[in-house]
Amino acid sequence: MKEVRYIVDTTLRDGEQSPGIALLPEDKVKIAGLLDELGVYEIEAGVPILSETEEEGICRIIENKKNAKISVWSRMNVEDVKRSIVCKPDIIHIGTPVSYIQIYSKLKKNKNWIIRNILECVEVAKNQGVDVTVGFEDASRADIGFLLSLSKELKRAGVEIIRIADTVGVLTPSRTMELIRTLVSNTDLTIEVHIHNDLGMAVANSLTGAKAGAKLIDCTLFGIGERTGNCNLYDFVHAADPIFDFGMTKKQIKSIEEQVYDMLKNIFI
């Protein structure tokens, strides 16, 4: 019997960061409807703080959803989280820098500052009845001790899912296996993986992450996304189908891709 894993589709958020792609609110609503019909567990609909137009599109997606959970992305900033709450999503993903490169060099802060701020953001969201997923940004270059200690703090704050992001796309399958196994073995949290394709291994790393115990896998249609893209939904399900059950078939995904391509072919040409 196949093990169950869940797809988090981020075409409408990370996918839109692909060079040359800018989706209109009506495009996003249509694509979200197709993904909902496909059986995607969660649709990451966008970033409310970006603009009123973005917020409007997200709210329309939430109003029209049928089965999928709808999530939005937020920086680790209380005002951003409050803006996200206005959309009434099922989940807020809060991006949290965890590598020392990002904490000390980019932000000019320290680990205690990160812990204080993420816990405050989580409290604000949960006080309004919104579930939170905390995204460990640049987790592939982070100190595992800090990831484990932060995970314990988040668990105490009521967080159930952490997203392990290979933000700069440097993971390999062996390193992915080691990282996810360590987190699964040493935390009581559900693990989600978000892999970029800079080294051409997004599908391989995502499959390895699922084998290591990650329950949620981030993908995009066509593999679009920032820089060289994200884990390709069709390719991932094709590769993982003998092992895992995602509640969808390759044929269904291909049909969705064809419909989305027809909608956006002027962008892709």
Protein backbone atom coordinates (compact mmCIF):
# COMPACT_ATOMS: atom_id res chain seq x y z
CA MET A 1 0.00 0.00 0.00
CA LYS A 2 1.33 3.44 -0.96
CA GLU A 3 2.14 6.00 1.71
CA VAL A 4 0.17 9.25 1.60
CA ARG A 5 1.93 12.53 0.90
CA TYR A 6 0.43 15.95 0.21
CA ILE A 7 1.09 18.54 -2.50
CA VAL A 8 1.43 22.21 -1.66
CA ASP A 9 1.21 24.11 -4.94
CA THR A 10 3.05 27.42 -4.99
CA THR A 11 2.56 28.33 -8.67
CA LEU A 12 0.67 31.47 -7.67
CA ARG A 13 3.35 32.66 -5.24
CA ASP A 14 6.85 31.33 -5.95
CA GLY A 15 5.94 30.41 -9.51
CA GLU A 16 5.02 33.99 -10.27
CA GLN A 17 8.56 35.02 -9.34
CA SER A 18 9.73 33.30 -12.52
CA PRO A 19 11.25 35.90 -14.89
CA GLY A 20 8.64 37.38 -17.22
CA ILE A 21 5.57 35.98 -15.46
CA ALA A 22 3.00 38.35 -13.97
CA LEU A 23 -0.45 36.92 -13.34
CA LEU A 24 -3.62 38.99 -13.31
CA PRO A 25 -6.07 38.41 -10.45
CA GLU A 26 -8.50 36.66 -12.83
CA ASP A 27 -5.67 34.36 -14.00
CA LYS A 28 -4.89 33.44 -10.42
CA VAL A 29 -8.53 32.71 -9.60
CA LYS A 30 -8.86 30.42 -12.64
CA ILE A 31 -5.61 28.58 -11.93
CA ALA A 32 -6.53 28.16 -8.27
CA GLY A 33 -9.87 26.66 -9.32
CA LEU A 34 -8.12 24.13 -11.56
CA LEU A 35 -5.67 23.19 -8.82
CA ASP A 36 -8.54 22.79 -6.37
CA GLU A 37 -10.30 20.44 -8.81
CA LEU A 38 -7.04 18.52 -9.27
CA GLY A 39 -6.97 17.64 -5.60
CA VAL A 40 -4.02 19.71 -4.42
CA TYR A 41 -3.98 19.70 -0.61
CA GLU A 42 -2.91 23.34 -0.28
CA ILE A 43 -2.65 26.29 -2.66
CA GLU A 44 -0.25 29.09 -1.76
CA ALA A 45 -2.19 31.98 -3.25
CA GLY A 46 0.23 34.89 -2.96
CA VAL A 47 1.61 37.66 -0.75
CA PRO A 48 -1.08 40.07 0.53
CA ILE A 49 1.36 42.83 1.52
CA LEU A 50 2.52 43.25 -2.09
CA SER A 51 -0.44 45.32 -3.29
CA GLU A 52 -4.18 45.83 -3.08
CA THR A 53 -4.52 44.01 -6.40
CA GLU A 54 -2.68 40.99 -4.99
CA GLU A 55 -4.86 41.05 -1.88
CA GLU A 56 -8.01 41.26 -4.00
CA GLY A 57 -7.00 38.21 -6.06
CA ILE A 58 -6.20 36.19 -2.93
CA CYS A 59 -9.55 37.06 -1.34
CA ARG A 60 -11.37 35.93 -4.49
CA ILE A 61 -9.49 32.62 -4.44
CA ILE A 62 -10.46 32.10 -0.81
CA GLU A 63 -14.11 32.94 -1.53
CA ASN A 64 -14.26 30.40 -4.37
CA LYS A 65 -12.33 27.51 -2.83
CA LYS A 66 -13.95 24.10 -2.50
CA ASN A 67 -11.59 21.54 -0.98
CA ALA A 68 -8.01 22.86 -0.91
CA LYS A 69 -6.57 24.78 1.98
CA ILE A 70 -5.56 28.30 0.91
CA SER A 71 -2.38 29.78 2.32
CA VAL A 72 -0.61 33.11 1.94
CA TRP A 73 3.04 34.03 2.42
CA SER A 74 4.23 36.64 4.90
CA ARG A 75 7.53 38.05 6.01
CA MET A 76 8.44 37.66 9.67
CA ASN A 77 6.87 41.01 10.42
CA VAL A 78 3.82 41.63 12.62
CA GLU A 79 2.32 44.22 10.25
CA ASP A 80 2.69 41.82 7.31
CA VAL A 81 1.01 39.07 9.31
CA LYS A 82 -1.87 41.39 10.21
CA ARG A 83 -2.31 42.26 6.52
CA SER A 84 -2.39 38.53 5.73
CA ILE A 85 -5.05 37.89 8.39
CA VAL A 86 -7.39 40.34 6.63
CA CYS A 87 -7.68 37.88 3.72
CA LYS A 88 -8.93 35.16 6.11
CA PRO A 89 -6.70 32.38 4.75
CA ASP A 90 -6.59 28.88 6.19
CA ILE A 91 -2.82 29.14 6.72
CA ILE A 92 -0.19 31.85 6.88
CA HIS A 93 3.33 30.83 5.88
CA ILE A 94 5.77 33.04 7.78
CA GLY A 95 9.21 33.14 6.17
CA THR A 96 11.88 33.00 8.86
CA PRO A 97 15.60 33.40 8.08
CA VAL A 98 17.54 30.64 9.84
CA SER A 99 21.03 30.54 8.31
CA TYR A 100 23.77 32.57 9.94
CA ILE A 101 24.45 34.19 6.56
CA GLN A 102 20.95 35.61 6.53
CA ILE A 103 20.69 36.36 10.24
CA TYR A 104 24.05 38.01 10.85
CA SER A 105 25.16 39.24 7.42
CA LYS A 106 21.89 40.13 5.70
CA LEU A 107 19.70 41.22 8.63
CA LYS A 108 22.48 42.30 11.02
CA LYS A 109 20.56 40.58 13.85
CA ASN A 110 21.07 37.54 16.09
CA LYS A 111 19.32 34.26 16.87
CA ASN A 112 17.47 35.63 19.89
CA TRP A 113 15.99 38.38 17.72
CA ILE A 114 14.75 35.76 15.26
CA ILE A 115 13.14 33.69 18.03
CA ARG A 116 11.42 36.71 19.61
CA ASN A 117 10.04 37.98 16.33
CA ILE A 118 8.75 34.69 14.95
CA LEU A 119 7.04 33.82 18.25
CA GLU A 120 5.36 37.24 18.27
CA CYS A 121 4.17 36.75 14.67
CA VAL A 122 2.85 33.27 15.47
CA GLU A 123 0.96 34.58 18.49
CA VAL A 124 -0.68 37.37 16.44
CA ALA A 125 -1.89 34.91 13.79
CA LYS A 126 -3.07 32.21 16.16
CA ASN A 127 -4.93 34.72 18.33
CA GLN A 128 -7.05 35.38 15.23
CA GLY A 129 -7.69 31.68 14.66
CA VAL A 130 -5.35 31.29 11.69
CA ASP A 131 -3.03 28.29 11.41
CA VAL A 132 0.65 29.00 10.88
CA THR A 133 3.38 27.24 8.95
CA VAL A 134 6.86 28.58 9.66
CA GLY A 135 9.19 28.55 6.69
CA PHE A 136 12.84 28.01 7.58
CA GLU A 137 14.49 30.18 4.93
CA ASP A 138 17.92 29.03 3.75
CA ALA A 139 17.59 25.92 5.92
CA SER A 140 20.02 24.05 3.67
CA ARG A 141 22.86 26.31 4.89
CA ALA A 142 21.71 26.61 8.51
CA ASP A 143 23.13 25.14 11.71
CA ILE A 144 21.11 22.03 12.58
CA GLY A 145 21.33 22.80 16.30
CA PHE A 146 19.57 26.12 15.76
CA LEU A 147 16.90 24.47 13.58
CA LEU A 148 16.15 21.94 16.31
CA SER A 149 16.04 24.48 19.13
CA LEU A 150 13.82 26.84 17.09
CA SER A 151 11.54 23.91 16.22
CA LYS A 152 11.02 23.18 19.91
CA GLU A 153 10.13 26.82 20.60
CA LEU A 154 7.63 26.79 17.75
CA LYS A 155 6.06 23.54 18.91
CA ARG A 156 5.48 25.08 22.33
CA ALA A 157 3.84 28.05 20.59
CA GLY A 158 1.37 25.78 18.82
CA VAL A 159 3.01 25.46 15.39
CA GLU A 160 2.57 22.02 13.82
CA ILE A 161 4.34 22.37 10.44
CA ILE A 162 7.73 23.73 9.46
CA ARG A 163 8.74 24.28 5.85
CA ILE A 164 12.35 23.45 5.04
CA ALA A 165 13.37 25.77 2.22
CA ASP A 166 16.41 25.18 0.04
CA THR A 167 16.32 28.90 -0.70
CA VAL A 168 19.47 29.09 -2.82
CA GLY A 169 19.15 25.64 -4.35
CA VAL A 170 22.28 23.94 -2.99
CA LEU A 171 20.89 20.67 -1.63
CA THR A 172 21.80 17.26 -2.99
CA PRO A 173 19.77 14.07 -2.39
CA SER A 174 22.17 12.75 0.25
CA ARG A 175 22.18 16.03 2.16
CA THR A 176 18.38 16.25 1.85
CA MET A 177 18.00 12.77 3.31
CA GLU A 178 20.28 13.62 6.24
CA LEU A 179 18.57 16.95 7.00
CA ILE A 180 14.97 15.72 6.82
CA ARG A 181 15.67 12.52 8.75
CA THR A 182 17.31 14.53 11.52
CA LEU A 183 14.33 16.87 11.80
CA VAL A 184 11.76 14.06 11.65
CA SER A 185 13.63 12.09 14.31
CA ASN A 186 14.19 14.98 16.70
CA THR A 187 11.03 17.06 16.50
CA ASP A 188 7.30 16.41 16.85
CA LEU A 189 6.55 18.63 13.86
CA THR A 190 5.26 17.81 10.39
CA ILE A 191 7.93 18.58 7.80
CA GLU A 192 7.29 20.32 4.49
CA VAL A 193 10.00 20.67 1.82
CA HIS A 194 10.41 23.56 -0.60
CA ILE A 195 13.17 22.91 -3.13
CA HIS A 196 14.65 25.14 -5.83
CA ASN A 197 16.14 23.76 -9.04
CA ASP A 198 19.45 25.62 -9.31
CA LEU A 199 21.43 22.36 -9.56
CA GLY A 200 18.73 20.57 -11.56
CA MET A 201 17.82 18.36 -8.61
CA ALA A 202 14.53 19.82 -7.33
CA VAL A 203 12.54 16.69 -8.23
CA ALA A 204 15.23 14.33 -6.91
CA ASN A 205 15.60 16.27 -3.66
CA SER A 206 11.84 16.52 -3.16
CA LEU A 207 11.44 12.78 -3.72
CA THR A 208 14.26 12.11 -1.27
CA GLY A 209 12.65 14.46 1.25
CA ALA A 210 9.38 12.55 0.97
CA LYS A 211 11.21 9.26 1.46
CA ALA A 212 12.95 10.71 4.53
CA GLY A 213 9.62 11.54 6.13
CA ALA A 214 8.48 14.95 4.83
CA LYS A 215 4.69 14.87 4.53
CA LEU A 216 4.16 17.96 2.39
CA ILE A 217 5.97 18.67 -0.89
CA ASP A 218 5.98 22.09 -2.55
CA CYS A 219 5.61 22.07 -6.34
CA THR A 220 4.65 24.36 -9.23
CA LEU A 221 3.06 23.80 -12.61
CA PHE A 222 5.76 23.51 -15.29
CA GLY A 223 8.37 23.82 -12.52
CA ILE A 224 8.28 27.62 -12.80
CA GLY A 225 9.67 29.78 -10.02
CA GLU A 226 12.43 32.06 -8.86
CA ARG A 227 15.70 31.77 -10.82
CA THR A 228 15.77 28.25 -12.35
CA GLY A 229 12.42 27.26 -10.86
CA ASN A 230 10.88 24.93 -8.31
CA CYS A 231 9.98 21.26 -8.14
CA ASN A 232 7.94 20.40 -11.25
CA LEU A 233 4.55 19.00 -10.17
CA TYR A 234 4.11 16.61 -13.10
CA ASP A 235 7.67 15.30 -12.99
CA PHE A 236 7.55 14.84 -9.22
CA VAL A 237 4.27 12.91 -9.20
CA HIS A 238 5.50 10.85 -12.16
CA ALA A 239 8.70 9.93 -10.30
CA ALA A 240 7.02 9.37 -6.93
CA ASP A 241 3.88 7.57 -8.13
CA PRO A 242 5.18 4.02 -7.49
CA ILE A 243 5.77 4.90 -3.82
CA PHE A 244 3.32 7.59 -2.74
CA ASP A 245 -0.36 8.43 -3.13
CA PHE A 246 -1.11 12.10 -3.83
CA GLY A 247 -4.78 11.74 -4.73
CA MET A 248 -4.13 12.77 -8.34
CA THR A 249 -2.83 11.21 -11.55
CA LYS A 250 -0.25 12.26 -14.13
CA LYS A 251 -3.04 12.46 -16.72
CA GLN A 252 -5.00 14.90 -14.56
CA ILE A 253 -1.93 17.09 -14.03
CA LYS A 254 -1.16 17.14 -17.76
CA SER A 255 -4.74 18.23 -18.46
CA ILE A 256 -4.39 21.10 -15.99
CA GLU A 257 -1.07 22.12 -17.55
CA GLU A 258 -2.64 22.24 -21.01
CA GLN A 259 -5.47 24.45 -19.77
CA VAL A 260 -3.10 26.81 -17.96
CA TYR A 261 -0.78 26.94 -20.96
CA ASP A 262 -3.70 27.95 -23.18
CA MET A 263 -4.54 30.73 -20.72
CA LEU A 264 -0.98 32.03 -20.51
CA LYS A 265 0.62 31.00 -23.79
CA ASN A 266 1.52 34.57 -24.68
CA ILE A 267 3.71 34.63 -21.57
CA PHE A 268 5.41 31.31 -22.31
CA ILE A 269 6.14 31.99 -25.99
